[in-house]
C-alpha atoms as a PDB file:
ATOM      1  CA  UNK A   1      -0.075  -0.069   0.062  1.00  0.00           C
ATOM      2  CA  UNK A   2       1.200   3.450  -0.458  1.00  0.00           C
ATOM      3  CA  UNK A   3       1.397   5.762   2.134  1.00  0.00           C
ATOM      4  CA  UNK A   4      -1.957   7.892   1.200  1.00  0.00           C
ATOM      5  CA  UNK A   5      -3.290   4.313   0.943  1.00  0.00           C
ATOM      6  CA  UNK A   6      -2.650   3.723   4.530  1.00  0.00           C
ATOM      7  CA  UNK A   7      -3.844   7.120   5.274  1.00  0.00           C
ATOM      8  CA  UNK A   8      -6.919   6.499   4.020  1.00  0.00           C
ATOM      9  CA  UNK A   9      -7.535   3.049   4.931  1.00  0.00           C
ATOM     10  CA  UNK A  10      -6.781   4.386   8.410  1.00  0.00           C
ATOM     11  CA  UNK A  11      -9.539   6.462   8.731  1.00  0.00           C
ATOM     12  CA  UNK A  12     -12.216   3.937   7.091  1.00  0.00           C
ATOM     13  CA  UNK A  13     -11.227   1.266   9.194  1.00  0.00           C
ATOM     14  CA  UNK A  14     -10.209   2.940  12.752  1.00  0.00           C
ATOM     15  CA  UNK A  15     -12.837   5.577  12.655  1.00  0.00           C
ATOM     16  CA  UNK A  16     -15.908   4.201  10.174  1.00  0.00           C
ATOM     17  CA  UNK A  17     -15.489   0.161  11.179  1.00  0.00           C
ATOM     18  CA  UNK A  18     -13.881   0.044  14.373  1.00  0.00           C
ATOM     19  CA  UNK A  19     -11.040  -2.147  13.154  1.00  0.00           C
ATOM     20  CA  UNK A  20      -8.598  -1.107  15.889  1.00  0.00           C
ATOM     21  CA  UNK A  21      -6.358  -3.745  14.696  1.00  0.00           C
ATOM     22  CA  UNK A  22      -5.898  -1.643  11.667  1.00  0.00           C
ATOM     23  CA  UNK A  23      -4.636   1.530  13.568  1.00  0.00           C
ATOM     24  CA  UNK A  24      -2.572  -1.059  16.049  1.00  0.00           C
ATOM     25  CA  UNK A  25      -0.773  -2.762  12.636  1.00  0.00           C
ATOM     26  CA  UNK A  26      -0.171   0.650  10.620  1.00  0.00           C
ATOM     27  CA  UNK A  27       0.902   2.794  13.442  1.00  0.00           C
ATOM     28  CA  UNK A  28       4.371   2.513  15.064  1.00  0.00           C
ATOM     29  CA  UNK A  29       4.172   1.302  18.978  1.00  0.00           C
ATOM     30  CA  UNK A  30       5.795   4.895  19.732  1.00  0.00           C
ATOM     31  CA  UNK A  31       3.573   6.638  17.801  1.00  0.00           C
ATOM     32  CA  UNK A  32       3.585  10.759  18.848  1.00  0.00           C
ATOM     33  CA  UNK A  33       0.373  12.859  18.259  1.00  0.00           C
ATOM     34  CA  UNK A  34       0.733  16.528  18.370  1.00  0.00           C
ATOM     35  CA  UNK A  35      -2.722  17.703  18.199  1.00  0.00           C
ATOM     36  CA  UNK A  36      -4.200  18.754  21.980  1.00  0.00           C
ATOM     37  CA  UNK A  37      -4.968  14.616  22.234  1.00  0.00           C
ATOM     38  CA  UNK A  38      -0.702  13.800  22.542  1.00  0.00           C
ATOM     39  CA  UNK A  39      -1.641  10.236  22.104  1.00  0.00           C
ATOM     40  CA  UNK A  40       2.434   8.519  22.964  1.00  0.00           C
ATOM     41  CA  UNK A  41       2.154   5.355  21.580  1.00  0.00           C
ATOM     42  CA  UNK A  42      -0.489   3.421  19.246  1.00  0.00           C
ATOM     43  CA  UNK A  43      -2.579   2.111  22.088  1.00  0.00           C
ATOM     44  CA  UNK A  44      -3.353   5.553  22.824  1.00  0.00           C
ATOM     45  CA  UNK A  45      -3.943   6.877  19.671  1.00  0.00           C
ATOM     46  CA  UNK A  46      -6.195   3.827  19.762  1.00  0.00           C
ATOM     47  CA  UNK A  47      -8.303   4.488  23.302  1.00  0.00           C
ATOM     48  CA  UNK A  48      -8.764   8.167  21.763  1.00  0.00           C
ATOM     49  CA  UNK A  49     -10.418   6.154  18.504  1.00  0.00           C
ATOM     50  CA  UNK A  50     -12.638   4.515  20.991  1.00  0.00           C
ATOM     51  CA  UNK A  51     -13.920   7.981  22.930  1.00  0.00           C
ATOM     52  CA  UNK A  52     -14.618   8.640  19.109  1.00  0.00           C
ATOM     53  CA  UNK A  53     -16.970   5.931  18.603  1.00  0.00           C
ATOM     54  CA  UNK A  54     -18.484   6.514  21.814  1.00  0.00           C
ATOM     55  CA  UNK A  55     -18.967   9.986  21.110  1.00  0.00           C
ATOM     56  CA  UNK A  56     -20.585   9.756  17.405  1.00  0.00           C
ATOM     57  CA  UNK A  57     -22.922   6.281  16.655  1.00  0.00           C
ATOM     58  CA  UNK A  58     -22.951   5.556  12.680  1.00  0.00           C
ATOM     59  CA  UNK A  59     -19.368   7.319  11.754  1.00  0.00           C
ATOM     60  CA  UNK A  60     -18.783   7.373   8.369  1.00  0.00           C
ATOM     61  CA  UNK A  61     -16.242   8.744   6.612  1.00  0.00           C
ATOM     62  CA  UNK A  62     -15.214  10.697   3.743  1.00  0.00           C
ATOM     63  CA  UNK A  63     -11.436  12.067   2.534  1.00  0.00           C
ATOM     64  CA  UNK A  64     -12.249  14.958   0.596  1.00  0.00           C
ATOM     65  CA  UNK A  65      -7.975  15.108  -0.167  1.00  0.00           C
ATOM     66  CA  UNK A  66      -4.891  13.321   0.091  1.00  0.00           C
ATOM     67  CA  UNK A  67      -1.603  15.358  -0.616  1.00  0.00           C
ATOM     68  CA  UNK A  68       1.806  13.420   0.085  1.00  0.00           C
ATOM     69  CA  UNK A  69       5.138  14.494   0.010  1.00  0.00           C
ATOM     70  CA  UNK A  70       7.776  12.086   0.529  1.00  0.00           C
ATOM     71  CA  UNK A  71       7.054  10.361   4.191  1.00  0.00           C
ATOM     72  CA  UNK A  72       4.300  13.077   4.579  1.00  0.00           C
ATOM     73  CA  UNK A  73       0.591  12.990   3.821  1.00  0.00           C
ATOM     74  CA  UNK A  74      -1.821  15.695   4.142  1.00  0.00           C
ATOM     75  CA  UNK A  75      -5.891  15.474   4.864  1.00  0.00           C
ATOM     76  CA  UNK A  76      -8.974  16.400   4.688  1.00  0.00           C
ATOM     77  CA  UNK A  77     -11.614  14.220   6.013  1.00  0.00           C
ATOM     78  CA  UNK A  78     -15.621  14.767   6.673  1.00  0.00           C
ATOM     79  CA  UNK A  79     -16.937  13.249   9.674  1.00  0.00           C
ATOM     80  CA  UNK A  80     -20.951  12.419   9.785  1.00  0.00           C
ATOM     81  CA  UNK A  81     -22.346  11.225  12.221  1.00  0.00           C
ATOM     82  CA  UNK A  82     -25.060  10.709  15.489  1.00  0.00           C
ATOM     83  CA  UNK A  83     -23.989  12.624  18.809  1.00  0.00           C
ATOM     84  CA  UNK A  84     -24.622   9.634  20.872  1.00  0.00           C
ATOM     85  CA  UNK A  85     -22.107  10.079  23.736  1.00  0.00           C
ATOM     86  CA  UNK A  86     -20.627  12.808  25.892  1.00  0.00           C
ATOM     87  CA  UNK A  87     -18.528  15.421  23.847  1.00  0.00           C
ATOM     88  CA  UNK A  88     -16.640  18.171  24.935  1.00  0.00           C
ATOM     89  CA  UNK A  89     -19.241  17.735  28.370  1.00  0.00           C
ATOM     90  CA  UNK A  90     -22.191  17.827  26.543  1.00  0.00           C
ATOM     91  CA  UNK A  91     -24.287  15.629  26.719  1.00  0.00           C
ATOM     92  CA  UNK A  92     -25.889  13.075  23.935  1.00  0.00           C
ATOM     93  CA  UNK A  93     -27.690  15.633  21.895  1.00  0.00           C
ATOM     94  CA  UNK A  94     -29.093  13.101  19.066  1.00  0.00           C
ATOM     95  CA  UNK A  95     -28.097  15.593  16.666  1.00  0.00           C
ATOM     96  CA  UNK A  96     -26.485  14.486  13.523  1.00  0.00           C
ATOM     97  CA  UNK A  97     -23.468  16.201  13.300  1.00  0.00           C
ATOM     98  CA  UNK A  98     -21.075  16.791   9.809  1.00  0.00           C
ATOM     99  CA  UNK A  99     -17.680  18.393  10.262  1.00  0.00           C
ATOM    100  CA  UNK A 100     -14.243  18.875   8.345  1.00  0.00           C
ATOM    101  CA  UNK A 101     -10.645  17.937   9.860  1.00  0.00           C
ATOM    102  CA  UNK A 102      -7.347  18.503   9.188  1.00  0.00           C
ATOM    103  CA  UNK A 103      -4.728  16.005   9.632  1.00  0.00           C
ATOM    104  CA  UNK A 104      -1.225  15.540   8.455  1.00  0.00           C
ATOM    105  CA  UNK A 105       0.686  12.135   9.490  1.00  0.00           C
ATOM    106  CA  UNK A 106       4.210  11.218   9.045  1.00  0.00           C
ATOM    107  CA  UNK A 107       5.213   7.545   7.851  1.00  0.00           C
ATOM    108  CA  UNK A 108       8.008   5.418   7.791  1.00  0.00           C
ATOM    109  CA  UNK A 109       8.212   1.881   6.264  1.00  0.00           C
ATOM    110  CA  UNK A 110       4.101   1.983   5.810  1.00  0.00           C
ATOM    111  CA  UNK A 111       3.412   2.634   9.032  1.00  0.00           C
ATOM    112  CA  UNK A 112       2.375   6.029  10.430  1.00  0.00           C
ATOM    113  CA  UNK A 113       5.245   7.500  13.199  1.00  0.00           C
ATOM    114  CA  UNK A 114       3.442  10.642  13.659  1.00  0.00           C
ATOM    115  CA  UNK A 115       0.921  13.150  13.342  1.00  0.00           C
ATOM    116  CA  UNK A 116      -0.566  16.687  13.666  1.00  0.00           C
ATOM    117  CA  UNK A 117      -4.237  16.939  13.614  1.00  0.00           C
ATOM    118  CA  UNK A 118      -6.896  19.552  13.975  1.00  0.00           C
ATOM    119  CA  UNK A 119     -10.862  19.222  14.416  1.00  0.00           C
ATOM    120  CA  UNK A 120     -12.987  22.045  14.700  1.00  0.00           C
ATOM    121  CA  UNK A 121     -13.732  21.984  18.457  1.00  0.00           C
ATOM    122  CA  UNK A 122     -14.995  24.971  18.758  1.00  0.00           C
ATOM    123  CA  UNK A 123     -17.526  24.389  16.456  1.00  0.00           C
ATOM    124  CA  UNK A 124     -18.665  21.433  16.902  1.00  0.00           C
ATOM    125  CA  UNK A 125     -19.349  22.204  20.824  1.00  0.00           C
ATOM    126  CA  UNK A 126     -20.958  25.151  19.319  1.00  0.00           C
ATOM    127  CA  UNK A 127     -23.744  23.049  17.254  1.00  0.00           C
ATOM    128  CA  UNK A 128     -23.958  20.522  19.921  1.00  0.00           C
ATOM    129  CA  UNK A 129     -25.052  23.449  22.141  1.00  0.00           C
ATOM    130  CA  UNK A 130     -27.515  24.536  19.914  1.00  0.00           C
ATOM    131  CA  UNK A 131     -30.801  23.619  20.390  1.00  0.00           C
ATOM    132  CA  UNK A 132     -30.165  20.472  21.707  1.00  0.00           C
ATOM    133  CA  UNK A 133     -33.481  18.768  22.022  1.00  0.00           C
ATOM    134  CA  UNK A 134     -33.970  19.437  18.257  1.00  0.00           C
ATOM    135  CA  UNK A 135     -31.862  16.825  17.293  1.00  0.00           C
ATOM    136  CA  UNK A 136     -33.351  14.010  19.772  1.00  0.00           C
ATOM    137  CA  UNK A 137     -36.857  14.816  18.103  1.00  0.00           C
ATOM    138  CA  UNK A 138     -35.514  14.988  14.752  1.00  0.00           C
ATOM    139  CA  UNK A 139     -33.861  11.178  15.786  1.00  0.00           C
ATOM    140  CA  UNK A 140     -37.101   9.371  17.070  1.00  0.00           C
END
């Protein structure tokens, strides 16, 4: 697999299909996450993936952009899911949410060694806090 294929598969297999074995295999044991999530191993990264799974059910991934340069892959990903778990202190609203995230990866020998990511946390929080009962009615 190329580095771009590994990154694309990482998002689909790990976030959408919950195949954490894929993440463990394709992330370095000493993986280093430079984002606020701050995972320092592939095991910690899988822990973060599980937290996201608990926050958003029916999570769907759309890879919008992948750009490869030497040992790095830049990505723009659209996430769509239903807010069914506590997210940033906000109780489940049942709202369908959609947002784009940016993440850059460094790979070595087909393994993700580092990442730098950005999720639009303030926009996500504002959306979930806005009329929280509205989403519950839409999903009954």
